[in-house]
Amino acid sequence: MKKYLSLFLMLLTFAVFAQLRANNTESYYSMKGTFNSDKKEIIKKTIEKEFGEGILEESGYIWTGRGSFEIILNDNSLKMEIQKSTDNQEIVDKIKNLGDKILATKNINKFNT
């Protein structure tokens, strides 16, 4: 029984994001991932809690702010990027926390590249 439960939890872990990469350097932070399209609404609601409603465009929902960050969510992928500077540390932390919330909520393993 434990073996089946472990297998189920492992499969569930990879059920949301097929691939996910986070990159955190001195000058920028980015996270990119692909996921099953049925998880889009859950991820969208998580983003909206932090940044409000996104703008719907051809490429998907987009959130931007002060020219320093961009979040793009479409049917099966997520991309978050922010350029770091001395005057936007608060928003950098907010983006990083959002990435952590998405990962933690879905019990996903994070890979740094």
N, C-alpha and C. Protein backbone atom coordinates (compact mmCIF):
# COMPACT_ATOMS: atom_id res chain seq x y z
N MET A 1 0.82 -1.19 0.00
CA MET A 1 0.00 0.00 0.00
C MET A 1 0.87 1.26 0.00
N LYS A 2 1.93 1.27 0.83
CA LYS A 2 2.82 2.43 0.87
C LYS A 2 3.50 2.64 -0.47
N LYS A 3 3.83 1.53 -1.13
CA LYS A 3 4.49 1.61 -2.42
C LYS A 3 3.58 2.30 -3.43
N TYR A 4 2.30 1.95 -3.44
CA TYR A 4 1.35 2.56 -4.37
C TYR A 4 1.11 4.02 -4.04
N LEU A 5 1.06 4.34 -2.75
CA LEU A 5 0.88 5.72 -2.34
C LEU A 5 2.07 6.57 -2.76
N SER A 6 3.27 6.04 -2.57
CA SER A 6 4.48 6.75 -2.99
C SER A 6 4.49 6.97 -4.50
N LEU A 7 4.12 5.97 -5.25
CA LEU A 7 4.07 6.09 -6.70
C LEU A 7 3.04 7.13 -7.12
N PHE A 8 1.88 7.10 -6.49
CA PHE A 8 0.83 8.07 -6.80
C PHE A 8 1.30 9.50 -6.50
N LEU A 9 1.94 9.70 -5.36
CA LEU A 9 2.42 11.04 -5.00
C LEU A 9 3.51 11.51 -5.95
N MET A 10 4.37 10.59 -6.38
CA MET A 10 5.41 10.96 -7.33
C MET A 10 4.79 11.37 -8.66
N LEU A 11 3.81 10.63 -9.14
CA LEU A 11 3.14 10.99 -10.39
C LEU A 11 2.41 12.31 -10.26
N LEU A 12 1.79 12.55 -9.12
CA LEU A 12 1.09 13.80 -8.87
C LEU A 12 2.05 14.97 -8.88
N THR A 13 3.25 14.76 -8.36
CA THR A 13 4.26 15.81 -8.33
C THR A 13 4.57 16.30 -9.74
N PHE A 14 4.65 15.39 -10.69
CA PHE A 14 4.99 15.77 -12.05
C PHE A 14 3.77 16.03 -12.92
N ALA A 15 2.58 15.91 -12.36
CA ALA A 15 1.36 16.07 -13.15
C ALA A 15 1.09 17.51 -13.53
N VAL A 16 1.54 18.47 -12.74
CA VAL A 16 1.26 19.87 -13.04
C VAL A 16 2.29 20.43 -14.01
N PHE A 17 3.55 20.41 -13.65
CA PHE A 17 4.60 20.94 -14.52
C PHE A 17 5.39 19.80 -15.12
N ALA A 18 5.41 19.74 -16.43
CA ALA A 18 6.23 18.74 -17.10
C ALA A 18 7.69 19.17 -17.04
N GLN A 19 7.92 20.48 -17.07
CA GLN A 19 9.27 21.02 -17.03
C GLN A 19 9.20 22.37 -16.34
N LEU A 20 10.15 22.64 -15.47
CA LEU A 20 10.19 23.92 -14.77
C LEU A 20 11.63 24.30 -14.50
N ARG A 21 11.95 25.57 -14.79
CA ARG A 21 13.31 26.05 -14.55
C ARG A 21 13.24 27.43 -13.92
N ALA A 22 14.04 27.62 -12.89
CA ALA A 22 14.17 28.93 -12.26
C ALA A 22 15.62 29.35 -12.36
N ASN A 23 15.83 30.64 -12.61
CA ASN A 23 17.17 31.18 -12.72
C ASN A 23 17.22 32.47 -11.91
N ASN A 24 18.14 32.55 -10.97
CA ASN A 24 18.25 33.71 -10.10
C ASN A 24 19.70 34.19 -10.11
N THR A 25 19.95 35.30 -10.81
CA THR A 25 21.29 35.87 -10.88
C THR A 25 21.27 37.24 -10.21
N GLU A 26 22.41 37.92 -10.23
CA GLU A 26 22.48 39.26 -9.64
C GLU A 26 21.65 40.27 -10.42
N SER A 27 21.45 40.04 -11.72
CA SER A 27 20.76 41.04 -12.54
C SER A 27 19.31 40.70 -12.89
N TYR A 28 18.91 39.43 -12.78
CA TYR A 28 17.53 39.08 -13.09
C TYR A 28 17.11 37.78 -12.40
N TYR A 29 15.79 37.60 -12.36
CA TYR A 29 15.18 36.36 -11.88
C TYR A 29 14.20 35.92 -12.95
N SER A 30 14.20 34.63 -13.28
CA SER A 30 13.23 34.13 -14.24
C SER A 30 12.79 32.72 -13.84
N MET A 31 11.57 32.41 -14.24
CA MET A 31 11.02 31.08 -14.05
C MET A 31 10.22 30.75 -15.30
N LYS A 32 10.46 29.59 -15.86
CA LYS A 32 9.73 29.15 -17.04
C LYS A 32 9.30 27.71 -16.81
N GLY A 33 8.08 27.40 -17.24
CA GLY A 33 7.60 26.04 -17.07
C GLY A 33 6.48 25.70 -18.03
N THR A 34 6.32 24.43 -18.28
CA THR A 34 5.18 23.93 -19.04
C THR A 34 4.36 23.06 -18.10
N PHE A 35 3.05 23.02 -18.32
CA PHE A 35 2.17 22.29 -17.43
C PHE A 35 0.98 21.76 -18.20
N ASN A 36 0.21 20.89 -17.57
CA ASN A 36 -1.03 20.38 -18.16
C ASN A 36 -2.02 21.53 -18.23
N SER A 37 -2.67 21.68 -19.36
CA SER A 37 -3.55 22.84 -19.58
C SER A 37 -4.71 22.92 -18.60
N ASP A 38 -5.10 21.81 -18.00
CA ASP A 38 -6.21 21.87 -17.03
C ASP A 38 -5.80 22.55 -15.72
N LYS A 39 -4.53 22.85 -15.53
CA LYS A 39 -4.05 23.54 -14.33
C LYS A 39 -3.95 25.05 -14.52
N LYS A 40 -4.26 25.53 -15.71
CA LYS A 40 -4.09 26.95 -16.02
C LYS A 40 -4.88 27.85 -15.07
N GLU A 41 -6.13 27.52 -14.80
CA GLU A 41 -6.97 28.39 -13.96
C GLU A 41 -6.45 28.48 -12.53
N ILE A 42 -5.94 27.39 -12.00
CA ILE A 42 -5.38 27.41 -10.64
C ILE A 42 -4.17 28.33 -10.60
N ILE A 43 -3.30 28.21 -11.59
CA ILE A 43 -2.11 29.04 -11.64
C ILE A 43 -2.50 30.50 -11.86
N LYS A 44 -3.47 30.75 -12.72
CA LYS A 44 -3.94 32.11 -12.99
C LYS A 44 -4.46 32.77 -11.72
N LYS A 45 -5.25 32.05 -10.95
CA LYS A 45 -5.81 32.59 -9.71
C LYS A 45 -4.70 32.90 -8.70
N THR A 46 -3.68 32.08 -8.66
CA THR A 46 -2.55 32.33 -7.76
C THR A 46 -1.84 33.62 -8.14
N ILE A 47 -1.65 33.84 -9.44
CA ILE A 47 -1.01 35.07 -9.91
C ILE A 47 -1.90 36.28 -9.63
N GLU A 48 -3.20 36.14 -9.89
CA GLU A 48 -4.14 37.25 -9.69
C GLU A 48 -4.21 37.68 -8.23
N LYS A 49 -4.02 36.78 -7.30
CA LYS A 49 -4.01 37.15 -5.88
C LYS A 49 -2.90 38.14 -5.57
N GLU A 50 -1.79 38.04 -6.29
CA GLU A 50 -0.65 38.92 -6.05
C GLU A 50 -0.63 40.16 -6.94
N PHE A 51 -1.08 40.04 -8.20
CA PHE A 51 -0.91 41.11 -9.17
C PHE A 51 -2.19 41.59 -9.83
N GLY A 52 -3.34 41.10 -9.40
CA GLY A 52 -4.60 41.51 -10.01
C GLY A 52 -4.82 40.81 -11.34
N GLU A 53 -5.82 41.28 -12.08
CA GLU A 53 -6.15 40.65 -13.37
C GLU A 53 -5.10 40.96 -14.42
N GLY A 54 -4.78 39.94 -15.21
CA GLY A 54 -3.86 40.12 -16.31
C GLY A 54 -4.59 40.63 -17.54
N ILE A 55 -3.82 41.10 -18.50
CA ILE A 55 -4.37 41.55 -19.78
C ILE A 55 -4.38 40.35 -20.72
N LEU A 56 -5.53 40.08 -21.33
CA LEU A 56 -5.63 38.96 -22.26
C LEU A 56 -5.18 39.41 -23.64
N GLU A 57 -4.14 38.77 -24.15
CA GLU A 57 -3.62 39.03 -25.49
C GLU A 57 -3.54 37.71 -26.24
N GLU A 58 -3.11 37.77 -27.49
CA GLU A 58 -3.01 36.55 -28.30
C GLU A 58 -2.09 35.51 -27.67
N SER A 59 -1.02 35.97 -27.04
CA SER A 59 -0.05 35.04 -26.46
C SER A 59 -0.50 34.50 -25.10
N GLY A 60 -1.59 35.01 -24.56
CA GLY A 60 -2.09 34.55 -23.26
C GLY A 60 -2.32 35.73 -22.34
N TYR A 61 -2.39 35.45 -21.05
CA TYR A 61 -2.54 36.50 -20.05
C TYR A 61 -1.17 37.09 -19.74
N ILE A 62 -1.13 38.41 -19.64
CA ILE A 62 0.14 39.09 -19.39
C ILE A 62 -0.02 40.06 -18.23
N TRP A 63 0.95 40.03 -17.33
CA TRP A 63 1.06 40.99 -16.25
C TRP A 63 2.40 41.68 -16.40
N THR A 64 2.43 43.00 -16.33
CA THR A 64 3.69 43.75 -16.39
C THR A 64 3.67 44.82 -15.32
N GLY A 65 4.83 45.32 -15.01
CA GLY A 65 4.90 46.38 -14.02
C GLY A 65 6.16 47.19 -14.11
N ARG A 66 6.00 48.49 -14.17
CA ARG A 66 7.10 49.46 -14.18
C ARG A 66 8.21 49.09 -15.16
N GLY A 67 7.88 48.36 -16.19
CA GLY A 67 8.88 47.99 -17.18
C GLY A 67 9.93 47.02 -16.68
N SER A 68 9.79 46.57 -15.43
CA SER A 68 10.83 45.71 -14.89
C SER A 68 10.46 44.24 -14.86
N PHE A 69 9.15 43.92 -14.88
CA PHE A 69 8.80 42.51 -14.84
C PHE A 69 7.71 42.18 -15.85
N GLU A 70 7.66 40.89 -16.18
CA GLU A 70 6.64 40.40 -17.11
C GLU A 70 6.30 38.97 -16.70
N ILE A 71 5.00 38.69 -16.65
CA ILE A 71 4.50 37.34 -16.41
C ILE A 71 3.59 37.00 -17.58
N ILE A 72 3.85 35.88 -18.23
CA ILE A 72 3.03 35.44 -19.36
C ILE A 72 2.51 34.04 -19.04
N LEU A 73 1.20 33.89 -19.09
CA LEU A 73 0.56 32.60 -18.84
C LEU A 73 -0.31 32.27 -20.04
N ASN A 74 -0.03 31.15 -20.69
CA ASN A 74 -0.92 30.69 -21.76
C ASN A 74 -1.44 29.31 -21.41
N ASP A 75 -2.01 28.62 -22.36
CA ASP A 75 -2.71 27.36 -22.07
C ASP A 75 -1.86 26.31 -21.37
N ASN A 76 -0.57 26.26 -21.69
CA ASN A 76 0.25 25.22 -21.06
C ASN A 76 1.65 25.67 -20.69
N SER A 77 1.87 26.98 -20.54
CA SER A 77 3.19 27.43 -20.11
C SER A 77 3.10 28.71 -19.28
N LEU A 78 4.13 28.90 -18.49
CA LEU A 78 4.25 30.06 -17.62
C LEU A 78 5.66 30.60 -17.76
N LYS A 79 5.76 31.93 -17.87
CA LYS A 79 7.07 32.57 -17.93
C LYS A 79 7.01 33.81 -17.05
N MET A 80 7.93 33.91 -16.10
CA MET A 80 8.03 35.08 -15.24
C MET A 80 9.47 35.58 -15.32
N GLU A 81 9.64 36.89 -15.55
CA GLU A 81 10.97 37.47 -15.62
C GLU A 81 10.96 38.84 -14.98
N ILE A 82 12.03 39.17 -14.27
CA ILE A 82 12.19 40.50 -13.70
C ILE A 82 13.66 40.89 -13.74
N GLN A 83 13.91 42.12 -14.17
CA GLN A 83 15.25 42.69 -14.12
C GLN A 83 15.44 43.30 -12.74
N LYS A 84 16.50 42.94 -12.06
CA LYS A 84 16.76 43.45 -10.72
C LYS A 84 17.46 44.80 -10.78
N SER A 85 17.10 45.67 -9.84
CA SER A 85 17.80 46.94 -9.66
C SER A 85 17.66 47.35 -8.20
N THR A 86 18.33 48.41 -7.82
CA THR A 86 18.31 48.83 -6.42
C THR A 86 16.95 49.35 -5.99
N ASP A 87 16.13 49.80 -6.93
CA ASP A 87 14.84 50.40 -6.56
C ASP A 87 13.65 49.46 -6.73
N ASN A 88 13.87 48.18 -7.04
CA ASN A 88 12.72 47.28 -7.22
C ASN A 88 12.84 45.98 -6.42
N GLN A 89 13.58 46.01 -5.33
CA GLN A 89 13.78 44.79 -4.54
C GLN A 89 12.46 44.23 -4.01
N GLU A 90 11.52 45.11 -3.67
CA GLU A 90 10.23 44.65 -3.15
C GLU A 90 9.47 43.83 -4.20
N ILE A 91 9.46 44.29 -5.44
CA ILE A 91 8.75 43.57 -6.50
C ILE A 91 9.51 42.29 -6.88
N VAL A 92 10.84 42.32 -6.81
CA VAL A 92 11.63 41.11 -7.05
C VAL A 92 11.25 40.04 -6.04
N ASP A 93 11.17 40.44 -4.77
CA ASP A 93 10.78 39.49 -3.73
C ASP A 93 9.37 38.96 -3.95
N LYS A 94 8.48 39.84 -4.41
CA LYS A 94 7.09 39.44 -4.67
C LYS A 94 7.02 38.40 -5.79
N ILE A 95 7.79 38.61 -6.86
CA ILE A 95 7.84 37.65 -7.99
C ILE A 95 8.42 36.32 -7.51
N LYS A 96 9.52 36.37 -6.76
CA LYS A 96 10.14 35.13 -6.26
C LYS A 96 9.18 34.39 -5.33
N ASN A 97 8.49 35.12 -4.47
CA ASN A 97 7.52 34.48 -3.58
C ASN A 97 6.36 33.86 -4.35
N LEU A 98 5.93 34.53 -5.43
CA LEU A 98 4.88 33.97 -6.28
C LEU A 98 5.34 32.64 -6.87
N GLY A 99 6.56 32.61 -7.38
CA GLY A 99 7.11 31.36 -7.91
C GLY A 99 7.14 30.27 -6.86
N ASP A 100 7.54 30.63 -5.65
CA ASP A 100 7.57 29.66 -4.55
C ASP A 100 6.17 29.18 -4.21
N LYS A 101 5.18 30.08 -4.23
CA LYS A 101 3.79 29.69 -3.94
C LYS A 101 3.27 28.71 -4.98
N ILE A 102 3.56 29.00 -6.24
CA ILE A 102 3.10 28.10 -7.31
C ILE A 102 3.75 26.73 -7.13
N LEU A 103 5.03 26.71 -6.82
CA LEU A 103 5.73 25.44 -6.60
C LEU A 103 5.21 24.72 -5.37
N ALA A 104 5.08 25.43 -4.26
CA ALA A 104 4.65 24.80 -3.01
C ALA A 104 3.21 24.32 -3.08
N THR A 105 2.36 25.10 -3.69
CA THR A 105 0.95 24.74 -3.80
C THR A 105 0.77 23.44 -4.57
N LYS A 106 1.58 23.24 -5.56
CA LYS A 106 1.44 22.08 -6.42
C LYS A 106 2.40 20.95 -6.07
N ASN A 107 3.19 21.12 -4.99
CA ASN A 107 4.12 20.08 -4.57
C ASN A 107 5.06 19.69 -5.71
N ILE A 108 5.68 20.70 -6.30
CA ILE A 108 6.54 20.50 -7.47
C ILE A 108 7.99 20.67 -7.05
N ASN A 109 8.86 19.88 -7.61
CA ASN A 109 10.29 20.04 -7.38
C ASN A 109 10.81 21.16 -8.25
N LYS A 110 11.65 22.00 -7.69
CA LYS A 110 12.22 23.14 -8.40
C LYS A 110 13.62 22.78 -8.87
N PHE A 111 13.95 23.15 -10.11
CA PHE A 111 15.28 22.91 -10.66
C PHE A 111 15.90 24.25 -10.99
N ASN A 112 17.09 24.53 -10.47
CA ASN A 112 17.81 25.76 -10.79
C ASN A 112 18.74 25.48 -11.95
N THR A 113 18.80 26.43 -12.87
CA THR A 113 19.69 26.26 -14.03
C THR A 113 20.70 27.37 -14.04
